[in-house]
Amino acid sequence: MLNDLPAEALDELPFGVIGFDAEQLVVRYNRHESQAAKFPVSEVMGQQVFVELAPCLNNYIVALRFELAMEQSQPLDAVVPYVLTFAMRPTRVRLRLLSDPALPLRFVLVQRQVSGLV
């Protein structure tokens, strides 16, 4: 579903959306995430998600899960409580990690208010 949503629809979602391809290049980045992280969409597109945009996610909790799912050709749908620390004060979030080997993009959904579920 997220793979097919137009950018305008992604911008209306009440949580952050970071979509990246098999080379881990950011190809989807919504307004909510741009405003919360203070990174302009135009600067984020094409960046390596776990190296340039969010190195704080480059670990076994997040990045390795995507890598293992891809290697094993398995879908991934996991919710992870997390603390973002890159370029901001530590911020509690819930991340939802989504990938499907049949779809071209993988997603990290970021919910900064932990009262609901992404």
N, C-alpha and C. Protein backbone atom coordinates (compact mmCIF):
# COMPACT_ATOMS: atom_id res chain seq x y z
N MET A 1 0.81 -1.19 0.00
CA MET A 1 0.00 0.00 0.00
C MET A 1 0.86 1.26 0.00
N LEU A 2 1.86 1.35 0.90
CA LEU A 2 2.72 2.53 0.93
C LEU A 2 3.50 2.70 -0.35
N ASN A 3 3.85 1.59 -0.99
CA ASN A 3 4.59 1.65 -2.25
C ASN A 3 3.83 2.44 -3.31
N ASP A 4 2.49 2.36 -3.27
CA ASP A 4 1.68 2.96 -4.32
C ASP A 4 1.09 4.32 -3.98
N LEU A 5 1.19 4.75 -2.72
CA LEU A 5 0.59 6.03 -2.34
C LEU A 5 1.32 7.19 -3.00
N PRO A 6 0.57 8.14 -3.55
CA PRO A 6 1.23 9.34 -4.08
C PRO A 6 1.83 10.16 -2.94
N ALA A 7 2.80 10.99 -3.26
CA ALA A 7 3.48 11.80 -2.25
C ALA A 7 2.51 12.63 -1.43
N GLU A 8 1.46 13.15 -2.05
CA GLU A 8 0.48 13.97 -1.34
C GLU A 8 -0.22 13.17 -0.25
N ALA A 9 -0.52 11.91 -0.53
CA ALA A 9 -1.18 11.05 0.46
C ALA A 9 -0.21 10.69 1.59
N LEU A 10 1.05 10.46 1.26
CA LEU A 10 2.05 10.20 2.30
C LEU A 10 2.19 11.40 3.23
N ASP A 11 2.11 12.58 2.65
CA ASP A 11 2.24 13.81 3.45
C ASP A 11 1.09 14.00 4.43
N GLU A 12 -0.03 13.37 4.19
CA GLU A 12 -1.19 13.50 5.07
C GLU A 12 -1.15 12.53 6.25
N LEU A 13 -0.26 11.56 6.22
CA LEU A 13 -0.19 10.57 7.30
C LEU A 13 0.32 11.22 8.59
N PRO A 14 -0.21 10.79 9.75
CA PRO A 14 0.16 11.42 11.03
C PRO A 14 1.42 10.84 11.67
N PHE A 15 2.30 10.28 10.87
CA PHE A 15 3.56 9.72 11.36
C PHE A 15 4.58 9.83 10.24
N GLY A 16 5.84 9.69 10.61
CA GLY A 16 6.91 9.79 9.63
C GLY A 16 7.02 8.57 8.75
N VAL A 17 7.35 8.80 7.49
CA VAL A 17 7.53 7.71 6.52
C VAL A 17 8.86 7.91 5.81
N ILE A 18 9.70 6.88 5.90
CA ILE A 18 10.96 6.85 5.15
C ILE A 18 10.92 5.59 4.30
N GLY A 19 10.89 5.77 2.99
CA GLY A 19 10.87 4.64 2.07
C GLY A 19 12.19 4.57 1.32
N PHE A 20 12.74 3.37 1.21
CA PHE A 20 14.03 3.22 0.54
C PHE A 20 14.03 1.97 -0.32
N ASP A 21 14.93 1.97 -1.30
CA ASP A 21 14.98 0.86 -2.25
C ASP A 21 15.99 -0.20 -1.83
N ALA A 22 16.23 -1.16 -2.70
CA ALA A 22 17.12 -2.28 -2.39
C ALA A 22 18.56 -1.83 -2.15
N GLU A 23 18.94 -0.67 -2.70
CA GLU A 23 20.28 -0.13 -2.48
C GLU A 23 20.32 0.77 -1.25
N GLN A 24 19.22 0.80 -0.51
CA GLN A 24 19.05 1.60 0.70
C GLN A 24 19.10 3.11 0.44
N LEU A 25 18.68 3.51 -0.76
CA LEU A 25 18.58 4.93 -1.10
C LEU A 25 17.18 5.41 -0.81
N VAL A 26 17.06 6.55 -0.14
CA VAL A 26 15.76 7.11 0.21
C VAL A 26 15.06 7.58 -1.07
N VAL A 27 13.84 7.07 -1.28
CA VAL A 27 13.03 7.47 -2.43
C VAL A 27 11.66 8.00 -2.03
N ARG A 28 11.27 7.81 -0.76
CA ARG A 28 10.02 8.34 -0.23
C ARG A 28 10.32 8.95 1.14
N TYR A 29 9.83 10.16 1.39
CA TYR A 29 10.08 10.85 2.66
C TYR A 29 8.96 11.84 2.82
N ASN A 30 8.13 11.64 3.84
CA ASN A 30 6.95 12.48 3.91
C ASN A 30 7.16 13.75 4.72
N ARG A 31 6.20 14.65 4.62
CA ARG A 31 6.26 15.96 5.27
C ARG A 31 6.36 15.82 6.79
N HIS A 32 5.60 14.90 7.37
CA HIS A 32 5.63 14.72 8.82
C HIS A 32 7.05 14.44 9.30
N GLU A 33 7.74 13.51 8.64
CA GLU A 33 9.10 13.17 9.04
C GLU A 33 10.06 14.33 8.77
N SER A 34 9.87 15.01 7.66
CA SER A 34 10.71 16.15 7.33
C SER A 34 10.63 17.23 8.40
N GLN A 35 9.42 17.54 8.83
CA GLN A 35 9.24 18.57 9.85
C GLN A 35 9.75 18.12 11.21
N ALA A 36 9.50 16.89 11.59
CA ALA A 36 9.92 16.39 12.90
C ALA A 36 11.44 16.27 12.99
N ALA A 37 12.07 15.78 11.93
CA ALA A 37 13.52 15.58 11.94
C ALA A 37 14.27 16.83 11.50
N LYS A 38 13.54 17.78 10.93
CA LYS A 38 14.14 19.04 10.44
C LYS A 38 15.14 18.81 9.29
N PHE A 39 14.81 17.83 8.44
CA PHE A 39 15.59 17.58 7.24
C PHE A 39 14.68 17.84 6.03
N PRO A 40 15.01 18.80 5.17
CA PRO A 40 14.19 19.06 3.99
C PRO A 40 14.14 17.84 3.06
N VAL A 41 12.96 17.58 2.52
CA VAL A 41 12.77 16.44 1.62
C VAL A 41 13.79 16.48 0.48
N SER A 42 14.00 17.65 -0.10
CA SER A 42 14.90 17.77 -1.25
C SER A 42 16.33 17.34 -0.91
N GLU A 43 16.75 17.50 0.35
CA GLU A 43 18.11 17.12 0.74
C GLU A 43 18.22 15.64 1.09
N VAL A 44 17.10 15.03 1.44
CA VAL A 44 17.10 13.64 1.91
C VAL A 44 17.02 12.64 0.76
N MET A 45 16.31 13.00 -0.28
CA MET A 45 16.10 12.06 -1.39
C MET A 45 17.44 11.63 -1.98
N GLY A 46 17.59 10.31 -2.14
CA GLY A 46 18.81 9.76 -2.72
C GLY A 46 19.90 9.47 -1.72
N GLN A 47 19.71 9.85 -0.45
CA GLN A 47 20.72 9.55 0.57
C GLN A 47 20.64 8.08 0.98
N GLN A 48 21.75 7.56 1.44
CA GLN A 48 21.78 6.21 2.02
C GLN A 48 21.07 6.30 3.37
N VAL A 49 19.99 5.54 3.53
CA VAL A 49 19.14 5.68 4.72
C VAL A 49 19.90 5.41 6.02
N PHE A 50 20.71 4.36 6.07
CA PHE A 50 21.36 3.99 7.33
C PHE A 50 22.77 4.56 7.48
N VAL A 51 23.25 5.27 6.47
CA VAL A 51 24.59 5.85 6.54
C VAL A 51 24.51 7.37 6.62
N GLU A 52 23.76 7.99 5.72
CA GLU A 52 23.71 9.44 5.66
C GLU A 52 22.51 10.04 6.40
N LEU A 53 21.33 9.48 6.19
CA LEU A 53 20.13 10.07 6.79
C LEU A 53 19.99 9.72 8.27
N ALA A 54 20.08 8.46 8.60
CA ALA A 54 19.80 8.02 9.97
C ALA A 54 20.83 6.98 10.44
N PRO A 55 22.07 7.41 10.64
CA PRO A 55 23.06 6.45 11.10
C PRO A 55 22.73 5.85 12.47
N CYS A 56 21.87 6.51 13.23
CA CYS A 56 21.47 5.95 14.53
C CYS A 56 20.60 4.70 14.37
N LEU A 57 20.14 4.42 13.15
CA LEU A 57 19.37 3.21 12.88
C LEU A 57 20.23 2.09 12.28
N ASN A 58 21.51 2.38 12.09
CA ASN A 58 22.41 1.41 11.46
C ASN A 58 22.94 0.44 12.52
N ASN A 59 22.07 -0.48 12.94
CA ASN A 59 22.41 -1.43 13.99
C ASN A 59 21.59 -2.70 13.82
N TYR A 60 21.78 -3.63 14.73
CA TYR A 60 21.07 -4.92 14.63
C TYR A 60 19.58 -4.79 14.90
N ILE A 61 19.16 -3.74 15.58
CA ILE A 61 17.74 -3.56 15.90
C ILE A 61 16.94 -3.16 14.66
N VAL A 62 17.54 -2.37 13.79
CA VAL A 62 16.81 -1.85 12.63
C VAL A 62 17.43 -2.33 11.32
N ALA A 63 18.59 -1.81 10.97
CA ALA A 63 19.18 -2.09 9.65
C ALA A 63 19.39 -3.59 9.41
N LEU A 64 19.88 -4.30 10.42
CA LEU A 64 20.14 -5.72 10.24
C LEU A 64 18.86 -6.51 10.00
N ARG A 65 17.76 -6.08 10.59
CA ARG A 65 16.48 -6.77 10.34
C ARG A 65 16.09 -6.69 8.87
N PHE A 66 16.27 -5.51 8.28
CA PHE A 66 15.97 -5.37 6.86
C PHE A 66 16.90 -6.24 6.03
N GLU A 67 18.18 -6.24 6.38
CA GLU A 67 19.16 -7.04 5.64
C GLU A 67 18.83 -8.53 5.71
N LEU A 68 18.52 -9.02 6.91
CA LEU A 68 18.19 -10.44 7.06
C LEU A 68 16.90 -10.81 6.33
N ALA A 69 15.91 -9.96 6.40
CA ALA A 69 14.66 -10.24 5.68
C ALA A 69 14.92 -10.33 4.18
N MET A 70 15.76 -9.43 3.66
CA MET A 70 16.07 -9.44 2.24
C MET A 70 16.84 -10.71 1.87
N GLU A 71 17.86 -11.05 2.67
CA GLU A 71 18.66 -12.25 2.39
C GLU A 71 17.81 -13.52 2.41
N GLN A 72 16.84 -13.58 3.31
CA GLN A 72 16.01 -14.77 3.47
C GLN A 72 14.73 -14.71 2.64
N SER A 73 14.58 -13.64 1.84
CA SER A 73 13.37 -13.44 1.03
C SER A 73 12.11 -13.59 1.88
N GLN A 74 12.14 -13.00 3.07
CA GLN A 74 11.01 -13.05 4.00
C GLN A 74 10.43 -11.65 4.18
N PRO A 75 9.12 -11.55 4.38
CA PRO A 75 8.54 -10.24 4.71
C PRO A 75 8.96 -9.82 6.12
N LEU A 76 8.93 -8.54 6.36
CA LEU A 76 9.24 -7.99 7.67
C LEU A 76 8.14 -7.02 8.07
N ASP A 77 7.60 -7.20 9.25
CA ASP A 77 6.63 -6.27 9.83
C ASP A 77 6.84 -6.33 11.34
N ALA A 78 7.62 -5.39 11.85
CA ALA A 78 7.98 -5.39 13.26
C ALA A 78 7.82 -3.99 13.84
N VAL A 79 7.32 -3.93 15.06
CA VAL A 79 7.22 -2.66 15.80
C VAL A 79 8.28 -2.69 16.88
N VAL A 80 9.08 -1.62 16.93
CA VAL A 80 10.22 -1.56 17.83
C VAL A 80 10.19 -0.25 18.61
N PRO A 81 10.16 -0.31 19.95
CA PRO A 81 10.37 0.92 20.71
C PRO A 81 11.83 1.34 20.54
N TYR A 82 12.07 2.63 20.38
CA TYR A 82 13.41 3.08 20.03
C TYR A 82 13.64 4.48 20.55
N VAL A 83 14.90 4.87 20.63
CA VAL A 83 15.27 6.25 20.97
C VAL A 83 16.14 6.78 19.85
N LEU A 84 15.64 7.79 19.14
CA LEU A 84 16.41 8.44 18.08
C LEU A 84 17.41 9.38 18.73
N THR A 85 18.64 9.38 18.20
CA THR A 85 19.69 10.21 18.80
C THR A 85 20.47 11.03 17.79
N PHE A 86 20.24 10.88 16.51
CA PHE A 86 21.04 11.55 15.51
C PHE A 86 20.49 12.95 15.23
N ALA A 87 21.34 13.96 15.37
CA ALA A 87 21.02 15.35 15.03
C ALA A 87 19.82 15.91 15.80
N MET A 88 19.56 15.38 16.98
CA MET A 88 18.45 15.86 17.79
C MET A 88 18.67 15.38 19.21
N ARG A 89 17.91 15.96 20.13
CA ARG A 89 17.99 15.42 21.48
C ARG A 89 17.36 14.03 21.46
N PRO A 90 17.73 13.15 22.37
CA PRO A 90 17.15 11.80 22.38
C PRO A 90 15.62 11.87 22.40
N THR A 91 15.01 11.16 21.46
CA THR A 91 13.56 11.21 21.28
C THR A 91 13.00 9.80 21.27
N ARG A 92 12.08 9.51 22.20
CA ARG A 92 11.43 8.20 22.21
C ARG A 92 10.44 8.11 21.05
N VAL A 93 10.50 6.98 20.36
CA VAL A 93 9.62 6.74 19.22
C VAL A 93 9.23 5.27 19.20
N ARG A 94 8.29 4.98 18.34
CA ARG A 94 8.03 3.60 17.92
C ARG A 94 8.31 3.55 16.44
N LEU A 95 9.07 2.56 16.06
CA LEU A 95 9.37 2.35 14.66
C LEU A 95 8.59 1.13 14.18
N ARG A 96 8.07 1.23 12.99
CA ARG A 96 7.49 0.05 12.35
C ARG A 96 8.34 -0.22 11.13
N LEU A 97 8.91 -1.40 11.07
CA LEU A 97 9.79 -1.81 9.98
C LEU A 97 9.01 -2.68 9.03
N LEU A 98 8.94 -2.28 7.77
CA LEU A 98 8.14 -3.00 6.79
C LEU A 98 8.94 -3.29 5.53
N SER A 99 8.91 -4.53 5.12
CA SER A 99 9.45 -4.89 3.80
C SER A 99 8.76 -6.15 3.33
N ASP A 100 8.71 -6.29 2.04
CA ASP A 100 8.12 -7.46 1.41
C ASP A 100 8.97 -7.75 0.18
N PRO A 101 9.50 -8.95 0.05
CA PRO A 101 10.38 -9.25 -1.09
C PRO A 101 9.70 -9.05 -2.45
N ALA A 102 8.37 -9.05 -2.47
CA ALA A 102 7.66 -8.87 -3.73
C ALA A 102 7.48 -7.40 -4.11
N LEU A 103 7.84 -6.49 -3.20
CA LEU A 103 7.64 -5.05 -3.44
C LEU A 103 8.98 -4.33 -3.53
N PRO A 104 9.03 -3.25 -4.29
CA PRO A 104 10.32 -2.59 -4.54
C PRO A 104 10.87 -1.78 -3.37
N LEU A 105 10.04 -1.32 -2.46
CA LEU A 105 10.49 -0.43 -1.40
C LEU A 105 10.34 -1.05 -0.02
N ARG A 106 11.18 -0.59 0.87
CA ARG A 106 11.10 -0.94 2.28
C ARG A 106 10.80 0.34 3.04
N PHE A 107 10.21 0.23 4.24
CA PHE A 107 9.79 1.42 4.95
C PHE A 107 10.14 1.37 6.43
N VAL A 108 10.52 2.53 6.94
CA VAL A 108 10.59 2.77 8.37
C VAL A 108 9.53 3.81 8.66
N LEU A 109 8.55 3.45 9.49
CA LEU A 109 7.53 4.40 9.92
C LEU A 109 7.92 4.86 11.31
N VAL A 110 7.80 6.16 11.55
CA VAL A 110 8.27 6.74 12.81
C VAL A 110 7.12 7.43 13.52
N GLN A 111 6.79 6.93 14.68
CA GLN A 111 5.74 7.55 15.49
C GLN A 111 6.38 8.14 16.73
N ARG A 112 6.33 9.46 16.83
CA ARG A 112 6.96 10.13 17.96
C ARG A 112 6.08 10.17 19.19
N GLN A 113 4.80 10.11 19.04
CA GLN A 113 3.90 10.04 20.19
C GLN A 113 3.63 8.57 20.43
N VAL A 114 4.06 8.05 21.54
CA VAL A 114 4.00 6.61 21.77
C VAL A 114 2.67 6.14 22.35
N SER A 115 1.65 6.98 22.30
CA SER A 115 0.35 6.59 22.85
C SER A 115 -0.44 5.67 21.93
N GLY A 116 -0.12 5.65 20.64
CA GLY A 116 -0.81 4.78 19.69
C GLY A 116 0.20 3.92 18.97
N LEU A 117 -0.24 3.17 18.03
CA LEU A 117 0.63 2.26 17.29
C LEU A 117 0.64 2.65 15.83
N VAL A 118 1.80 2.72 15.25
CA VAL A 118 1.94 3.06 13.82
C VAL A 118 1.36 1.92 13.02
